[in-house]
């Protein structure tokens, strides 16, 4: 493969599922697609630092369900559910302002990620935190890679940083790889995420690939 393909989109329909799932919805496709994108961008902006691994959206004729997966659900929910209710109020105000279809039927579910070290999005947030705290980038990469590889589910990890690393005048790239990352194997369960570390001298781009083994069909399906 001469071109770089997104590892998630490459496996949709094979071992991965869509992040937006619509059931029995007819018409207004453009408005609903735009609404999903706006809601996702709003949540990513507002939940930065909450270690959010993914945001799934489910739509139906009278359903608009947002599933937020995070390794810090306590921080997000807050004391006696205050954080979740405030987030919902903000989201409803944002949805009405931008005329998001179905915002009146919105429901937010928060799910806990049991193994954060094997999730690419959370690992990218961990690297972002380390860089923004001005730790040396090589040490951050090495320590994070060791943490990830210590997890028994993980068989390989690859990290890529690009930008003014260490505050250098000229931008460059740095890469670290441990284990194997079979990007061309469709049944390989590869988690991929991008993130940005906001530094005073510019942003540093972060990419993370995590390989968790191959996914095979159940040999003995239940009758």
Protein backbone atom coordinates (compact mmCIF):
# COMPACT_ATOMS: atom_id res chain seq x y z
CA UNK A 1 0.00 0.00 0.00
CA UNK A 2 1.66 3.19 -1.16
CA UNK A 3 -0.86 5.53 0.51
CA UNK A 4 -1.39 5.99 4.25
CA UNK A 5 -4.87 4.72 5.20
CA UNK A 6 -6.60 5.46 8.51
CA UNK A 7 -6.41 2.17 10.47
CA UNK A 8 -9.95 2.56 11.86
CA UNK A 9 -11.77 3.40 8.61
CA UNK A 10 -9.81 0.62 6.85
CA UNK A 11 -11.39 -1.95 9.22
CA UNK A 12 -14.98 -0.63 9.40
CA UNK A 13 -17.37 -3.46 8.63
CA UNK A 14 -14.64 -6.08 9.17
CA UNK A 15 -13.76 -5.89 12.88
CA UNK A 16 -14.77 -2.28 13.72
CA UNK A 17 -18.19 -0.66 14.00
CA UNK A 18 -19.37 2.84 13.00
CA UNK A 19 -19.08 5.60 15.63
CA UNK A 20 -22.41 7.13 14.55
CA UNK A 21 -25.31 4.68 14.34
CA UNK A 22 -28.71 5.76 13.00
CA UNK A 23 -31.84 3.55 13.21
CA UNK A 24 -35.04 4.20 11.25
CA UNK A 25 -34.07 7.81 10.44
CA UNK A 26 -35.29 9.21 7.12
CA UNK A 27 -34.55 12.57 5.50
CA UNK A 28 -32.44 15.50 6.74
CA UNK A 29 -29.23 13.51 6.25
CA UNK A 30 -27.04 16.61 5.81
CA UNK A 31 -28.41 18.33 8.93
CA UNK A 32 -27.96 15.23 11.09
CA UNK A 33 -24.44 14.58 9.83
CA UNK A 34 -23.49 18.21 10.51
CA UNK A 35 -25.09 17.94 13.99
CA UNK A 36 -23.07 14.81 14.82
CA UNK A 37 -19.82 16.51 13.77
CA UNK A 38 -20.60 19.69 15.77
CA UNK A 39 -21.55 17.70 18.92
CA UNK A 40 -18.40 15.59 18.66
CA UNK A 41 -16.16 18.68 18.24
CA UNK A 42 -17.90 20.46 21.15
CA UNK A 43 -17.39 17.48 23.50
CA UNK A 44 -13.75 16.97 22.46
CA UNK A 45 -13.09 20.66 23.16
CA UNK A 46 -14.87 20.71 26.54
CA UNK A 47 -13.70 17.33 27.84
CA UNK A 48 -9.99 17.86 27.15
CA UNK A 49 -7.97 16.36 30.01
CA UNK A 50 -10.80 14.01 31.08
CA UNK A 51 -9.11 11.04 29.31
CA UNK A 52 -12.00 10.49 26.89
CA UNK A 53 -11.32 7.49 24.65
CA UNK A 54 -14.30 7.81 22.31
CA UNK A 55 -17.69 9.42 21.66
CA UNK A 56 -20.42 7.30 20.04
CA UNK A 57 -23.76 8.69 18.82
CA UNK A 58 -26.97 6.70 18.35
CA UNK A 59 -29.99 8.22 16.63
CA UNK A 60 -33.57 7.01 16.22
CA UNK A 61 -36.96 8.59 15.42
CA UNK A 62 -37.19 9.82 19.06
CA UNK A 63 -33.70 9.06 20.29
CA UNK A 64 -30.43 11.00 20.44
CA UNK A 65 -28.02 9.07 22.67
CA UNK A 66 -24.42 10.14 23.29
CA UNK A 67 -22.07 7.53 24.77
CA UNK A 68 -18.89 8.98 26.31
CA UNK A 69 -16.16 6.46 27.14
CA UNK A 70 -13.59 7.67 29.68
CA UNK A 71 -11.10 6.25 32.17
CA UNK A 72 -12.05 9.01 34.68
CA UNK A 73 -15.86 8.73 34.96
CA UNK A 74 -15.87 10.17 38.51
CA UNK A 75 -14.38 13.47 37.31
CA UNK A 76 -16.92 13.70 34.50
CA UNK A 77 -20.02 12.75 36.52
CA UNK A 78 -19.03 14.94 39.49
CA UNK A 79 -20.49 14.99 42.98
CA UNK A 80 -24.02 13.47 42.92
CA UNK A 81 -24.15 13.86 39.12
CA UNK A 82 -23.60 17.64 38.96
CA UNK A 83 -20.90 17.45 36.28
CA UNK A 84 -23.03 15.32 33.96
CA UNK A 85 -26.09 17.58 34.34
CA UNK A 86 -24.02 20.74 33.67
CA UNK A 87 -22.50 19.12 30.59
CA UNK A 88 -25.98 18.21 29.33
CA UNK A 89 -27.22 21.81 29.86
CA UNK A 90 -24.22 23.20 27.94
CA UNK A 91 -24.77 20.69 25.14
CA UNK A 92 -28.50 21.53 24.87
CA UNK A 93 -27.71 25.27 24.69
CA UNK A 94 -25.06 24.61 22.04
CA UNK A 95 -27.43 22.35 20.08
CA UNK A 96 -30.26 24.91 20.06
CA UNK A 97 -27.89 27.68 18.99
CA UNK A 98 -26.59 25.56 16.08
CA UNK A 99 -29.99 23.95 15.29
CA UNK A 100 -28.84 20.35 15.88
CA UNK A 101 -31.59 17.92 14.86
CA UNK A 102 -33.01 15.82 17.74
CA UNK A 103 -31.32 17.74 20.59
CA UNK A 104 -34.63 17.76 22.55
CA UNK A 105 -34.45 13.94 22.93
CA UNK A 106 -30.80 13.94 24.02
CA UNK A 107 -29.52 11.46 26.60
CA UNK A 108 -25.91 11.18 27.83
CA UNK A 109 -24.41 7.86 29.00
CA UNK A 110 -20.94 7.70 30.56
CA UNK A 111 -19.03 4.41 30.36
CA UNK A 112 -15.77 3.53 32.12
CA UNK A 113 -12.73 2.30 30.18
CA UNK A 114 -11.32 -0.59 32.20
CA UNK A 115 -7.89 -0.77 30.53
CA UNK A 116 -6.73 2.80 29.72
CA UNK A 117 -3.15 1.77 28.79
CA UNK A 118 -4.46 -0.28 25.85
CA UNK A 119 -6.51 2.61 24.43
CA UNK A 120 -4.76 4.79 21.82
CA UNK A 121 -6.77 7.98 22.54
CA UNK A 122 -6.02 7.84 26.29
CA UNK A 123 -2.33 7.08 25.64
CA UNK A 124 -2.19 10.12 23.30
CA UNK A 125 -3.70 12.25 26.13
CA UNK A 126 -1.03 10.91 28.52
CA UNK A 127 1.73 11.98 26.09
CA UNK A 128 0.02 15.38 25.64
CA UNK A 129 -0.03 15.95 29.42
CA UNK A 130 3.65 15.07 29.74
CA UNK A 131 4.69 17.41 26.92
CA UNK A 132 2.55 20.30 28.22
CA UNK A 133 4.20 19.89 31.65
CA UNK A 134 7.55 20.46 29.84
CA UNK A 135 8.98 16.97 30.46
CA UNK A 136 11.65 15.83 27.93
CA UNK A 137 9.79 14.34 24.96
CA UNK A 138 12.04 11.25 24.66
CA UNK A 139 11.49 10.37 28.31
CA UNK A 140 7.71 10.86 27.94
CA UNK A 141 7.62 8.56 24.90
CA UNK A 142 9.77 5.86 26.50
CA UNK A 143 7.89 5.82 29.84
CA UNK A 144 4.49 5.77 28.10
CA UNK A 145 5.60 2.95 25.75
CA UNK A 146 6.79 0.90 28.75
CA UNK A 147 3.44 1.44 30.51
CA UNK A 148 1.52 0.36 27.39
CA UNK A 149 3.64 -2.75 26.78
CA UNK A 150 3.22 -3.79 30.44
CA UNK A 151 -0.47 -4.45 29.65
CA UNK A 152 -1.06 -8.11 28.79
CA UNK A 153 -3.58 -7.24 26.01
CA UNK A 154 -1.06 -5.16 24.04
CA UNK A 155 1.29 -6.81 21.51
CA UNK A 156 2.78 -3.71 19.93
CA UNK A 157 2.84 0.09 20.14
CA UNK A 158 4.08 2.85 17.84
CA UNK A 159 4.30 6.56 18.68
CA UNK A 160 5.02 9.49 16.41
CA UNK A 161 5.68 13.12 17.41
CA UNK A 162 6.02 15.99 14.96
CA UNK A 163 6.72 19.68 15.52
CA UNK A 164 9.19 21.91 17.36
CA UNK A 165 10.35 19.16 19.71
CA UNK A 166 12.26 20.45 22.72
CA UNK A 167 11.60 24.05 21.59
CA UNK A 168 13.96 23.70 18.59
CA UNK A 169 13.81 26.35 15.84
CA UNK A 170 13.27 23.78 13.09
CA UNK A 171 10.40 21.28 13.27
CA UNK A 172 11.28 17.59 13.13
CA UNK A 173 9.77 14.18 13.80
CA UNK A 174 10.53 11.49 16.35
CA UNK A 175 9.25 7.92 16.33
CA UNK A 176 9.27 5.03 18.82
CA UNK A 177 8.13 1.47 18.15
CA UNK A 178 7.88 -1.59 20.40
CA UNK A 179 6.48 -4.98 19.40
CA UNK A 180 4.74 -5.43 16.03
CA UNK A 181 2.15 -3.30 14.20
CA UNK A 182 0.68 -5.25 11.22
CA UNK A 183 -1.17 -2.36 9.52
CA UNK A 184 -2.05 -4.30 6.37
CA UNK A 185 -3.75 -7.23 8.15
CA UNK A 186 -7.49 -6.54 8.25
CA UNK A 187 -8.18 -8.87 11.19
CA UNK A 188 -5.46 -7.15 13.27
CA UNK A 189 -7.13 -5.13 16.05
CA UNK A 190 -5.25 -1.82 15.76
CA UNK A 191 -6.37 1.20 17.77
CA UNK A 192 -5.26 4.57 16.35
CA UNK A 193 -5.56 8.13 17.68
CA UNK A 194 -4.30 11.63 16.97
CA UNK A 195 -3.80 14.46 19.49
CA UNK A 196 -2.15 17.87 19.81
CA UNK A 197 -0.02 19.24 22.61
CA UNK A 198 -0.47 23.04 22.83
CA UNK A 199 2.95 24.55 23.60
CA UNK A 200 3.96 28.22 23.84
CA UNK A 201 6.03 27.94 20.65
CA UNK A 202 3.39 26.01 18.66
CA UNK A 203 1.52 22.71 18.59
CA UNK A 204 3.14 19.28 18.60
CA UNK A 205 1.27 16.59 16.68
CA UNK A 206 0.95 13.14 18.28
CA UNK A 207 -0.04 9.84 16.65
CA UNK A 208 -0.44 6.53 18.49
CA UNK A 209 -0.97 3.01 17.13
CA UNK A 210 -1.70 0.10 19.53
CA UNK A 211 -1.92 -3.52 18.37
CA UNK A 212 -4.03 -5.88 20.51
CA UNK A 213 -3.80 -9.13 18.57
CA UNK A 214 -5.91 -10.64 15.79
CA UNK A 215 -9.70 -10.95 15.84
CA UNK A 216 -11.14 -14.24 14.54
CA UNK A 217 -14.78 -15.29 14.10
CA UNK A 218 -16.21 -17.47 16.85
CA UNK A 219 -15.49 -21.08 15.86
CA UNK A 220 -18.38 -22.41 17.97
CA UNK A 221 -21.29 -19.98 17.49
CA UNK A 222 -24.13 -20.29 20.00
CA UNK A 223 -27.24 -21.95 18.63
